[in-house]
Amino acid sequence: MDIIVPTLNQIAFLFGFITIGFIITKLRLVSANSAETLSKLENLIFIPALVMGTFIENFTVDKIQMAWKLIVVSFLIAFIAIPLAIIISKTVTKDKYIQNIYTYGLSFSNFGFMGNAVVSSLFPDIFLEYLIFTMPLWMLIYLWGVPRLLIADPNKSQSLKDNLKSFVNPMFVGMIIGIIIGLLNIKLPVFVTSIISVSGRCMSPVAMLLTGMVVASVSLKKTFSNYKIYIISIVRLIAFPLIFIAVGYFIKMQKTIYFCALCTLAMPLGLNTIVIPSAYGKDTTVASGMTVISHILSCVTIPFIFMLSHL
């Protein structure tokens, strides 16, 4: 099937960087605080640039008016998936911090890096629509997912000051700036757009290097024997897409909307659960295991899901 090659290419690319991060850490070719430095670069520069560039390019009046159905369906699916993610996470573990990591992973897949590659390879005719479809997900990530699940301390009550501190983060600021520039159609100098674009493209490779560094510092046996990670990965990769496919048999929707939604649901767990908490000194062992395992499993599950969708 045509989807196997682009999926494997992306997985190989990601795991290439994970392997590099793993090796340079094991051989002590980098300093002990290198992972902390990379995570701060991600949070202060690369992720905000990626978010800003995405909104500048796609959050325009013309595109929103043209594709409002995509946006509505995207919000609808997210508002169904998020409560399910919360319930499942609370069932799987009692640890509040791990619950938040699982909830984020189930709510938001790697629809950006992996999703963009799969859609651009398999469905190039709807790539623009796919980017618009993911806009509500980006908004929910930086309005709720990052400040409430990845930054806020789940073990203590949050004051108004704490909420504002976690809410107003570099990623959220980048989103707001991108929205303003996109809606007002402000023309930026070429060198500025180039800086934003190149910085944004650094996000995924650096995140995977960071993943490799984290994996190198923990017990691989403990990481890969954590059955809860497999449960979350299977729910993300198989259960959610299968539920959507089943619903699609009864509720007819436009082909473009159907495949945009399916692509976001079928992707593995995202990278933010590693790069953002690590910048705040939080444990990313479980998140790294989720990333590695879900991306390995996706080599099988993504082709499987798309084969089912064509039956």
C-alpha atoms as a PDB file:
ATOM      1  CA  MET A   1       0.000   0.000   0.000  1.00  0.00           C
ATOM      2  CA  ASP A   2       1.241   3.504  -0.869  1.00  0.00           C
ATOM      3  CA  ILE A   3       1.016   4.729   2.733  1.00  0.00           C
ATOM      4  CA  ILE A   4       3.636   2.283   4.014  1.00  0.00           C
ATOM      5  CA  VAL A   5       6.608   4.012   2.361  1.00  0.00           C
ATOM      6  CA  PRO A   6       5.964   7.590   3.626  1.00  0.00           C
ATOM      7  CA  THR A   7       5.111   6.253   7.072  1.00  0.00           C
ATOM      8  CA  LEU A   8       8.313   4.230   7.290  1.00  0.00           C
ATOM      9  CA  ASN A   9      10.341   7.149   5.927  1.00  0.00           C
ATOM     10  CA  GLN A  10       9.061   9.451   8.661  1.00  0.00           C
ATOM     11  CA  ILE A  11       9.587   6.830  11.365  1.00  0.00           C
ATOM     12  CA  ALA A  12      13.136   6.183  10.125  1.00  0.00           C
ATOM     13  CA  PHE A  13      13.832   9.914  10.094  1.00  0.00           C
ATOM     14  CA  LEU A  14      12.540  10.345  13.645  1.00  0.00           C
ATOM     15  CA  PHE A  15      14.332   7.312  15.033  1.00  0.00           C
ATOM     16  CA  GLY A  16      17.522   8.383  13.313  1.00  0.00           C
ATOM     17  CA  PHE A  17      17.583  11.476  15.510  1.00  0.00           C
ATOM     18  CA  ILE A  18      16.517   9.492  18.585  1.00  0.00           C
ATOM     19  CA  THR A  19      19.459   7.145  17.974  1.00  0.00           C
ATOM     20  CA  ILE A  20      21.860  10.064  17.594  1.00  0.00           C
ATOM     21  CA  GLY A  21      20.625  11.584  20.867  1.00  0.00           C
ATOM     22  CA  PHE A  22      20.923   8.205  22.576  1.00  0.00           C
ATOM     23  CA  ILE A  23      24.488   7.564  21.334  1.00  0.00           C
ATOM     24  CA  ILE A  24      25.939  10.988  22.094  1.00  0.00           C
ATOM     25  CA  THR A  25      24.514  10.787  25.612  1.00  0.00           C
ATOM     26  CA  LYS A  26      25.742   7.236  26.281  1.00  0.00           C
ATOM     27  CA  LEU A  27      29.219   8.123  24.979  1.00  0.00           C
ATOM     28  CA  ARG A  28      29.173  11.348  26.997  1.00  0.00           C
ATOM     29  CA  LEU A  29      29.906  13.446  23.947  1.00  0.00           C
ATOM     30  CA  VAL A  30      27.653  16.191  25.287  1.00  0.00           C
ATOM     31  CA  SER A  31      27.535  17.852  28.680  1.00  0.00           C
ATOM     32  CA  ALA A  32      25.128  16.750  31.398  1.00  0.00           C
ATOM     33  CA  ASN A  33      22.931  19.827  30.968  1.00  0.00           C
ATOM     34  CA  SER A  34      22.594  19.485  27.170  1.00  0.00           C
ATOM     35  CA  ALA A  35      19.055  18.090  27.382  1.00  0.00           C
ATOM     36  CA  GLU A  36      17.997  21.030  29.546  1.00  0.00           C
ATOM     37  CA  THR A  37      19.503  23.460  27.033  1.00  0.00           C
ATOM     38  CA  LEU A  38      17.740  21.790  24.092  1.00  0.00           C
ATOM     39  CA  SER A  39      14.417  21.789  25.905  1.00  0.00           C
ATOM     40  CA  LYS A  40      14.724  25.507  26.604  1.00  0.00           C
ATOM     41  CA  LEU A  41      15.574  26.206  22.956  1.00  0.00           C
ATOM     42  CA  GLU A  42      12.496  24.229  21.959  1.00  0.00           C
ATOM     43  CA  ASN A  43      10.208  26.118  24.316  1.00  0.00           C
ATOM     44  CA  LEU A  44      11.624  29.591  23.749  1.00  0.00           C
ATOM     45  CA  ILE A  45      12.357  29.505  20.002  1.00  0.00           C
ATOM     46  CA  PHE A  46      11.503  26.436  17.923  1.00  0.00           C
ATOM     47  CA  ILE A  47       7.955  25.585  19.070  1.00  0.00           C
ATOM     48  CA  PRO A  48       6.803  29.244  19.208  1.00  0.00           C
ATOM     49  CA  ALA A  49       8.223  29.733  15.706  1.00  0.00           C
ATOM     50  CA  LEU A  50       6.428  26.631  14.407  1.00  0.00           C
ATOM     51  CA  VAL A  51       3.127  27.763  15.929  1.00  0.00           C
ATOM     52  CA  MET A  52       3.532  31.340  14.744  1.00  0.00           C
ATOM     53  CA  GLY A  53       4.393  30.288  11.195  1.00  0.00           C
ATOM     54  CA  THR A  54       1.453  27.882  11.046  1.00  0.00           C
ATOM     55  CA  PHE A  55      -1.043  30.565  12.052  1.00  0.00           C
ATOM     56  CA  ILE A  56       0.501  33.261   9.860  1.00  0.00           C
ATOM     57  CA  GLU A  57       0.178  31.035   6.814  1.00  0.00           C
ATOM     58  CA  ASN A  58      -3.214  29.467   7.459  1.00  0.00           C
ATOM     59  CA  PHE A  59      -5.228  31.655   9.837  1.00  0.00           C
ATOM     60  CA  THR A  60      -6.421  34.111   7.200  1.00  0.00           C
ATOM     61  CA  VAL A  61      -9.917  35.475   6.596  1.00  0.00           C
ATOM     62  CA  ASP A  62     -10.152  33.886   3.143  1.00  0.00           C
ATOM     63  CA  LYS A  63      -9.121  30.426   4.297  1.00  0.00           C
ATOM     64  CA  ILE A  64     -11.405  30.486   7.339  1.00  0.00           C
ATOM     65  CA  GLN A  65     -14.396  31.558   5.249  1.00  0.00           C
ATOM     66  CA  MET A  66     -13.594  28.901   2.657  1.00  0.00           C
ATOM     67  CA  ALA A  67     -13.182  26.021   5.105  1.00  0.00           C
ATOM     68  CA  TRP A  68     -15.426  26.752   8.077  1.00  0.00           C
ATOM     69  CA  LYS A  69     -16.858  23.216   7.939  1.00  0.00           C
ATOM     70  CA  LEU A  70     -13.381  21.780   8.472  1.00  0.00           C
ATOM     71  CA  ILE A  71     -12.903  23.968  11.524  1.00  0.00           C
ATOM     72  CA  VAL A  72     -16.308  23.083  13.009  1.00  0.00           C
ATOM     73  CA  VAL A  73     -15.751  19.321  12.583  1.00  0.00           C
ATOM     74  CA  SER A  74     -12.241  19.590  14.015  1.00  0.00           C
ATOM     75  CA  PHE A  75     -13.538  21.331  17.149  1.00  0.00           C
ATOM     76  CA  LEU A  76     -16.363  18.798  17.439  1.00  0.00           C
ATOM     77  CA  ILE A  77     -14.032  15.788  17.296  1.00  0.00           C
ATOM     78  CA  ALA A  78     -11.659  17.398  19.806  1.00  0.00           C
ATOM     79  CA  PHE A  79     -14.478  18.109  22.247  1.00  0.00           C
ATOM     80  CA  ILE A  80     -15.468  14.444  22.068  1.00  0.00           C
ATOM     81  CA  ALA A  81     -11.912  13.073  22.286  1.00  0.00           C
ATOM     82  CA  ILE A  82     -10.775  15.217  25.220  1.00  0.00           C
ATOM     83  CA  PRO A  83     -13.371  13.968  27.777  1.00  0.00           C
ATOM     84  CA  LEU A  84     -12.657  10.400  26.661  1.00  0.00           C
ATOM     85  CA  ALA A  85      -8.935  11.037  27.122  1.00  0.00           C
ATOM     86  CA  ILE A  86      -9.491  12.368  30.638  1.00  0.00           C
ATOM     87  CA  ILE A  87     -11.617   9.373  31.636  1.00  0.00           C
ATOM     88  CA  ILE A  88      -9.200   6.821  30.171  1.00  0.00           C
ATOM     89  CA  SER A  89      -6.170   8.474  31.779  1.00  0.00           C
ATOM     90  CA  LYS A  90      -7.789   8.476  35.217  1.00  0.00           C
ATOM     91  CA  THR A  91      -8.655   4.802  34.768  1.00  0.00           C
ATOM     92  CA  VAL A  92      -5.117   3.806  33.791  1.00  0.00           C
ATOM     93  CA  THR A  93      -3.194   5.633  36.541  1.00  0.00           C
ATOM     94  CA  LYS A  94      -3.787   7.462  39.825  1.00  0.00           C
ATOM     95  CA  ASP A  95      -0.682   9.655  39.497  1.00  0.00           C
ATOM     96  CA  LYS A  96      -1.992  13.124  38.614  1.00  0.00           C
ATOM     97  CA  TYR A  97       1.069  14.199  36.630  1.00  0.00           C
ATOM     98  CA  ILE A  98       1.088  10.992  34.560  1.00  0.00           C
ATOM     99  CA  GLN A  99      -2.665  11.409  34.092  1.00  0.00           C
ATOM    100  CA  ASN A 100      -1.993  14.793  32.518  1.00  0.00           C
ATOM    101  CA  ILE A 101       0.672  13.326  30.224  1.00  0.00           C
ATOM    102  CA  TYR A 102      -1.658  10.528  29.118  1.00  0.00           C
ATOM    103  CA  THR A 103      -4.545  12.978  28.656  1.00  0.00           C
ATOM    104  CA  TYR A 104      -2.427  15.232  26.458  1.00  0.00           C
ATOM    105  CA  GLY A 105      -1.140  12.292  24.420  1.00  0.00           C
ATOM    106  CA  LEU A 106      -4.631  10.943  23.828  1.00  0.00           C
ATOM    107  CA  SER A 107      -6.095  14.362  23.055  1.00  0.00           C
ATOM    108  CA  PHE A 108      -3.415  15.568  20.635  1.00  0.00           C
ATOM    109  CA  SER A 109      -1.536  13.269  18.271  1.00  0.00           C
ATOM    110  CA  ASN A 110       1.561  14.052  16.231  1.00  0.00           C
ATOM    111  CA  PHE A 111      -0.733  15.582  13.593  1.00  0.00           C
ATOM    112  CA  GLY A 112       1.910  18.170  12.717  1.00  0.00           C
ATOM    113  CA  PHE A 113       5.182  16.497  11.791  1.00  0.00           C
ATOM    114  CA  MET A 114       3.877  12.997  11.077  1.00  0.00           C
ATOM    115  CA  GLY A 115       0.464  14.085   9.849  1.00  0.00           C
ATOM    116  CA  ASN A 116       1.826  16.647   7.421  1.00  0.00           C
ATOM    117  CA  ALA A 117       4.203  14.093   5.900  1.00  0.00           C
ATOM    118  CA  VAL A 118       1.527  11.412   5.485  1.00  0.00           C
ATOM    119  CA  VAL A 119      -1.090  13.754   4.019  1.00  0.00           C
ATOM    120  CA  SER A 120       1.323  15.523   1.661  1.00  0.00           C
ATOM    121  CA  SER A 121       2.433  12.118   0.336  1.00  0.00           C
ATOM    122  CA  LEU A 122      -0.948  10.367   0.101  1.00  0.00           C
ATOM    123  CA  PHE A 123      -3.465  13.178  -0.306  1.00  0.00           C
ATOM    124  CA  PRO A 124      -1.605  16.185  -1.780  1.00  0.00           C
ATOM    125  CA  ASP A 125      -4.868  17.554  -3.192  1.00  0.00           C
ATOM    126  CA  ILE A 126      -6.252  18.146   0.313  1.00  0.00           C
ATOM    127  CA  PHE A 127      -3.038  19.192   2.079  1.00  0.00           C
ATOM    128  CA  LEU A 128      -4.198  22.807   2.421  1.00  0.00           C
ATOM    129  CA  GLU A 129      -7.520  21.654   3.859  1.00  0.00           C
ATOM    130  CA  TYR A 130      -5.657  19.408   6.291  1.00  0.00           C
ATOM    131  CA  LEU A 131      -3.593  22.339   7.561  1.00  0.00           C
ATOM    132  CA  ILE A 132      -6.793  24.315   8.118  1.00  0.00           C
ATOM    133  CA  PHE A 133      -8.406  21.312   9.840  1.00  0.00           C
ATOM    134  CA  THR A 134      -5.562  21.198  12.367  1.00  0.00           C
ATOM    135  CA  MET A 135      -5.843  24.892  13.280  1.00  0.00           C
ATOM    136  CA  PRO A 136      -8.419  24.296  16.070  1.00  0.00           C
ATOM    137  CA  LEU A 137      -6.137  21.583  17.477  1.00  0.00           C
ATOM    138  CA  TRP A 138      -3.224  24.015  17.631  1.00  0.00           C
ATOM    139  CA  MET A 139      -5.485  26.499  19.408  1.00  0.00           C
ATOM    140  CA  LEU A 140      -6.680  23.948  21.961  1.00  0.00           C
ATOM    141  CA  ILE A 141      -3.105  22.803  22.579  1.00  0.00           C
ATOM    142  CA  TYR A 142      -1.896  26.262  23.547  1.00  0.00           C
ATOM    143  CA  LEU A 143      -5.114  27.467  25.157  1.00  0.00           C
ATOM    144  CA  TRP A 144      -5.614  24.359  27.319  1.00  0.00           C
ATOM    145  CA  GLY A 145      -3.250  21.442  26.691  1.00  0.00           C
ATOM    146  CA  VAL A 146       0.077  23.122  27.393  1.00  0.00           C
ATOM    147  CA  PRO A 147      -0.867  25.483  30.265  1.00  0.00           C
ATOM    148  CA  ARG A 148      -3.177  23.061  32.103  1.00  0.00           C
ATOM    149  CA  LEU A 149      -1.635  19.651  31.393  1.00  0.00           C
ATOM    150  CA  LEU A 150       2.071  20.192  30.739  1.00  0.00           C
ATOM    151  CA  ILE A 151       3.045  23.329  32.669  1.00  0.00           C
ATOM    152  CA  ALA A 152       0.716  23.623  35.681  1.00  0.00           C
ATOM    153  CA  ASP A 153       1.536  21.606  38.806  1.00  0.00           C
ATOM    154  CA  PRO A 154      -1.272  19.013  39.126  1.00  0.00           C
ATOM    155  CA  ASN A 155      -0.516  18.332  42.790  1.00  0.00           C
ATOM    156  CA  LYS A 156      -1.330  21.787  44.122  1.00  0.00           C
ATOM    157  CA  SER A 157      -4.192  24.207  43.773  1.00  0.00           C
ATOM    158  CA  GLN A 158      -3.510  26.913  41.219  1.00  0.00           C
ATOM    159  CA  SER A 159      -3.839  30.564  42.185  1.00  0.00           C
ATOM    160  CA  LEU A 160      -4.825  33.184  39.626  1.00  0.00           C
ATOM    161  CA  LYS A 161      -1.168  34.190  39.375  1.00  0.00           C
ATOM    162  CA  ASP A 162      -0.121  30.568  38.739  1.00  0.00           C
ATOM    163  CA  ASN A 163      -2.799  30.164  36.063  1.00  0.00           C
ATOM    164  CA  LEU A 164      -1.727  33.335  34.285  1.00  0.00           C
ATOM    165  CA  LYS A 165       1.930  32.336  34.502  1.00  0.00           C
ATOM    166  CA  SER A 166       1.306  28.959  32.851  1.00  0.00           C
ATOM    167  CA  PHE A 167      -1.214  30.402  30.410  1.00  0.00           C
ATOM    168  CA  VAL A 168       1.015  33.195  29.094  1.00  0.00           C
ATOM    169  CA  ASN A 169       3.856  31.051  27.764  1.00  0.00           C
ATOM    170  CA  PRO A 170       6.040  31.506  24.641  1.00  0.00           C
ATOM    171  CA  MET A 171       3.936  29.055  22.600  1.00  0.00           C
ATOM    172  CA  PHE A 172       0.693  30.873  23.428  1.00  0.00           C
ATOM    173  CA  VAL A 173       2.272  34.255  22.644  1.00  0.00           C
ATOM    174  CA  GLY A 174       3.511  32.868  19.327  1.00  0.00           C
ATOM    175  CA  MET A 175      -0.004  31.697  18.501  1.00  0.00           C
ATOM    176  CA  ILE A 176      -1.548  35.096  19.278  1.00  0.00           C
ATOM    177  CA  ILE A 177       1.059  36.923  17.178  1.00  0.00           C
ATOM    178  CA  GLY A 178       0.498  34.474  14.316  1.00  0.00           C
ATOM    179  CA  ILE A 179      -3.283  34.926  14.505  1.00  0.00           C
ATOM    180  CA  ILE A 180      -2.977  38.729  14.386  1.00  0.00           C
ATOM    181  CA  ILE A 181      -0.534  38.714  11.470  1.00  0.00           C
ATOM    182  CA  GLY A 182      -2.597  36.120   9.581  1.00  0.00           C
ATOM    183  CA  LEU A 183      -5.965  37.816  10.056  1.00  0.00           C
ATOM    184  CA  LEU A 184      -4.634  41.292   9.229  1.00  0.00           C
ATOM    185  CA  ASN A 185      -2.590  39.919   6.319  1.00  0.00           C
ATOM    186  CA  ILE A 186       0.505  41.781   7.497  1.00  0.00           C
ATOM    187  CA  LYS A 187       3.438  41.393   5.112  1.00  0.00           C
ATOM    188  CA  LEU A 188       6.643  40.579   6.941  1.00  0.00           C
ATOM    189  CA  PRO A 189      10.151  41.095   5.550  1.00  0.00           C
ATOM    190  CA  VAL A 190      11.519  38.038   3.790  1.00  0.00           C
ATOM    191  CA  PHE A 191      14.322  37.554   6.316  1.00  0.00           C
ATOM    192  CA  VAL A 192      11.782  37.513   9.172  1.00  0.00           C
ATOM    193  CA  THR A 193       9.596  34.855   7.514  1.00  0.00           C
ATOM    194  CA  SER A 194      12.746  32.838   6.782  1.00  0.00           C
ATOM    195  CA  ILE A 195      13.809  32.967  10.448  1.00  0.00           C
ATOM    196  CA  ILE A 196      10.332  31.843  11.562  1.00  0.00           C
ATOM    197  CA  SER A 197      10.174  29.063   8.963  1.00  0.00           C
ATOM    198  CA  VAL A 198      13.657  27.638   9.569  1.00  0.00           C
ATOM    199  CA  SER A 199      13.267  27.830  13.360  1.00  0.00           C
ATOM    200  CA  GLY A 200       9.941  25.999  13.157  1.00  0.00           C
ATOM    201  CA  ARG A 201      11.466  23.194  11.099  1.00  0.00           C
ATOM    202  CA  CYS A 202      14.009  22.603  13.881  1.00  0.00           C
ATOM    203  CA  MET A 203      11.284  21.592  16.332  1.00  0.00           C
ATOM    204  CA  SER A 204      10.835  17.925  15.436  1.00  0.00           C
ATOM    205  CA  PRO A 205      14.508  16.940  14.935  1.00  0.00           C
ATOM    206  CA  VAL A 206      15.538  18.610  18.194  1.00  0.00           C
ATOM    207  CA  ALA A 207      12.593  17.014  20.013  1.00  0.00           C
ATOM    208  CA  MET A 208      13.711  13.580  18.865  1.00  0.00           C
ATOM    209  CA  LEU A 209      17.329  14.278  19.874  1.00  0.00           C
ATOM    210  CA  LEU A 210      15.959  15.210  23.278  1.00  0.00           C
ATOM    211  CA  THR A 211      13.931  11.991  23.354  1.00  0.00           C
ATOM    212  CA  GLY A 212      17.070   9.970  22.672  1.00  0.00           C
ATOM    213  CA  MET A 213      18.898  11.764  25.476  1.00  0.00           C
ATOM    214  CA  VAL A 214      16.098  11.056  27.935  1.00  0.00           C
ATOM    215  CA  VAL A 215      15.856   7.385  26.902  1.00  0.00           C
ATOM    216  CA  ALA A 216      19.637   7.044  27.350  1.00  0.00           C
ATOM    217  CA  SER A 217      19.353   8.186  30.968  1.00  0.00           C
ATOM    218  CA  VAL A 218      16.632   5.735  32.043  1.00  0.00           C
ATOM    219  CA  SER A 219      16.217   1.979  32.189  1.00  0.00           C
ATOM    220  CA  LEU A 220      15.163   0.683  28.769  1.00  0.00           C
ATOM    221  CA  LYS A 221      13.755  -2.455  30.372  1.00  0.00           C
ATOM    222  CA  LYS A 222      11.584  -0.371  32.675  1.00  0.00           C
ATOM    223  CA  THR A 223      10.487   1.908  29.839  1.00  0.00           C
ATOM    224  CA  PHE A 224       9.507  -0.839  27.406  1.00  0.00           C
ATOM    225  CA  SER A 225       7.891  -3.026  30.071  1.00  0.00           C
ATOM    226  CA  ASN A 226       5.452  -0.314  31.180  1.00  0.00           C
ATOM    227  CA  TYR A 227       2.188  -1.873  29.992  1.00  0.00           C
ATOM    228  CA  LYS A 228       0.257   1.336  30.618  1.00  0.00           C
ATOM    229  CA  ILE A 229       2.166   3.037  27.808  1.00  0.00           C
ATOM    230  CA  TYR A 230       1.007   0.296  25.436  1.00  0.00           C
ATOM    231  CA  ILE A 231      -2.600   0.776  26.539  1.00  0.00           C
ATOM    232  CA  ILE A 232      -2.456   4.520  25.848  1.00  0.00           C
ATOM    233  CA  SER A 233      -0.692   3.947  22.516  1.00  0.00           C
ATOM    234  CA  ILE A 234      -3.265   1.393  21.355  1.00  0.00           C
ATOM    235  CA  VAL A 235      -6.145   3.676  22.325  1.00  0.00           C
ATOM    236  CA  ARG A 236      -4.531   6.556  20.432  1.00  0.00           C
ATOM    237  CA  LEU A 237      -3.504   4.551  17.353  1.00  0.00           C
ATOM    238  CA  ILE A 238      -6.349   2.052  16.993  1.00  0.00           C
ATOM    239  CA  ALA A 239      -9.356   2.702  19.231  1.00  0.00           C
ATOM    240  CA  PHE A 240      -9.917   6.371  18.377  1.00  0.00           C
ATOM    241  CA  PRO A 241      -9.526   5.912  14.582  1.00  0.00           C
ATOM    242  CA  LEU A 242     -11.754   2.790  14.600  1.00  0.00           C
ATOM    243  CA  ILE A 243     -14.486   4.643  16.479  1.00  0.00           C
ATOM    244  CA  PHE A 244     -14.331   7.406  13.874  1.00  0.00           C
ATOM    245  CA  ILE A 245     -14.448   4.923  10.979  1.00  0.00           C
ATOM    246  CA  ALA A 246     -17.499   3.257  12.555  1.00  0.00           C
ATOM    247  CA  VAL A 247     -19.219   6.624  12.940  1.00  0.00           C
ATOM    248  CA  GLY A 248     -18.340   7.416   9.327  1.00  0.00           C
ATOM    249  CA  TYR A 249     -20.414   4.454   8.149  1.00  0.00           C
ATOM    250  CA  PHE A 250     -23.533   5.986   9.672  1.00  0.00           C
ATOM    251  CA  ILE A 251     -22.869   9.708   9.288  1.00  0.00           C
ATOM    252  CA  LYS A 252     -22.002  10.722   5.754  1.00  0.00           C
ATOM    253  CA  MET A 253     -19.427  13.492   5.466  1.00  0.00           C
ATOM    254  CA  GLN A 254     -17.383  15.047   2.714  1.00  0.00           C
ATOM    255  CA  LYS A 255     -14.401  12.967   1.655  1.00  0.00           C
ATOM    256  CA  THR A 256     -11.991  15.815   2.406  1.00  0.00           C
ATOM    257  CA  ILE A 257     -13.297  16.252   5.952  1.00  0.00           C
ATOM    258  CA  TYR A 258     -13.304  12.489   6.519  1.00  0.00           C
ATOM    259  CA  PHE A 259      -9.655  11.976   5.571  1.00  0.00           C
ATOM    260  CA  CYS A 260      -8.467  15.130   7.361  1.00  0.00           C
ATOM    261  CA  ALA A 261     -10.091  13.875  10.562  1.00  0.00           C
ATOM    262  CA  LEU A 262      -8.836  10.326  10.128  1.00  0.00           C
ATOM    263  CA  CYS A 263      -5.267  11.500   9.584  1.00  0.00           C
ATOM    264  CA  THR A 264      -5.231  13.509  12.817  1.00  0.00           C
ATOM    265  CA  LEU A 265      -6.720  10.589  14.759  1.00  0.00           C
ATOM    266  CA  ALA A 266      -4.422   7.914  13.342  1.00  0.00           C
ATOM    267  CA  MET A 267      -1.092   9.593  14.093  1.00  0.00           C
ATOM    268  CA  PRO A 268       1.104   8.525  17.050  1.00  0.00           C
ATOM    269  CA  LEU A 269       1.489  10.412  20.329  1.00  0.00           C
ATOM    270  CA  GLY A 270       2.909  13.920  20.028  1.00  0.00           C
ATOM    271  CA  LEU A 271       6.291  15.326  21.053  1.00  0.00           C
ATOM    272  CA  ASN A 272       5.212  18.186  23.304  1.00  0.00           C
ATOM    273  CA  THR A 273       4.901  15.852  26.296  1.00  0.00           C
ATOM    274  CA  ILE A 274       8.709  15.634  26.236  1.00  0.00           C
ATOM    275  CA  VAL A 275      10.001  19.031  25.183  1.00  0.00           C
ATOM    276  CA  ILE A 276       7.706  21.251  27.268  1.00  0.00           C
ATOM    277  CA  PRO A 277       7.788  19.475  30.679  1.00  0.00           C
ATOM    278  CA  SER A 278      11.552  18.987  30.396  1.00  0.00           C
ATOM    279  CA  ALA A 279      12.038  22.753  30.157  1.00  0.00           C
ATOM    280  CA  TYR A 280      10.252  23.059  33.499  1.00  0.00           C
ATOM    281  CA  GLY A 281      12.367  20.374  35.178  1.00  0.00           C
ATOM    282  CA  LYS A 282       9.682  17.690  35.111  1.00  0.00           C
ATOM    283  CA  ASP A 283      10.170  13.950  34.636  1.00  0.00           C
ATOM    284  CA  THR A 284       9.792  12.949  30.987  1.00  0.00           C
ATOM    285  CA  THR A 285      10.541   9.225  31.320  1.00  0.00           C
ATOM    286  CA  VAL A 286       6.965   8.113  30.672  1.00  0.00           C
ATOM    287  CA  ALA A 287       6.516  10.657  27.878  1.00  0.00           C
ATOM    288  CA  SER A 288       9.680   9.446  26.138  1.00  0.00           C
ATOM    289  CA  GLY A 289       8.484   5.848  26.359  1.00  0.00           C
ATOM    290  CA  MET A 290       5.116   6.881  24.920  1.00  0.00           C
ATOM    291  CA  THR A 291       6.793   8.635  22.010  1.00  0.00           C
ATOM    292  CA  VAL A 292       9.142   5.779  21.141  1.00  0.00           C
ATOM    293  CA  ILE A 293       6.592   2.978  21.502  1.00  0.00           C
ATOM    294  CA  SER A 294       3.700   4.756  19.764  1.00  0.00           C
ATOM    295  CA  HIS A 295       5.871   5.698  16.777  1.00  0.00           C
ATOM    296  CA  ILE A 296       7.119   2.121  16.441  1.00  0.00           C
ATOM    297  CA  LEU A 297       3.565   0.754  16.592  1.00  0.00           C
ATOM    298  CA  SER A 298       2.361   3.350  14.083  1.00  0.00           C
ATOM    299  CA  CYS A 299       4.423   1.645  11.364  1.00  0.00           C
ATOM    300  CA  VAL A 300       1.762  -1.077  11.479  1.00  0.00           C
ATOM    301  CA  THR A 301      -1.320   0.775  12.688  1.00  0.00           C
ATOM    302  CA  ILE A 302      -1.328   3.689  10.205  1.00  0.00           C
ATOM    303  CA  PRO A 303      -1.389   1.452   7.095  1.00  0.00           C
ATOM    304  CA  PHE A 304      -3.939  -0.803   8.841  1.00  0.00           C
ATOM    305  CA  ILE A 305      -6.283   2.089   9.613  1.00  0.00           C
ATOM    306  CA  PHE A 306      -6.140   3.477   6.090  1.00  0.00           C
ATOM    307  CA  MET A 307      -6.706   0.062   4.560  1.00  0.00           C
ATOM    308  CA  LEU A 308      -9.840  -0.277   6.690  1.00  0.00           C
ATOM    309  CA  SER A 309     -11.017   3.168   5.677  1.00  0.00           C
ATOM    310  CA  HIS A 310     -10.925   2.162   2.006  1.00  0.00           C
ATOM    311  CA  LEU A 311     -12.963  -1.043   2.471  1.00  0.00           C
END
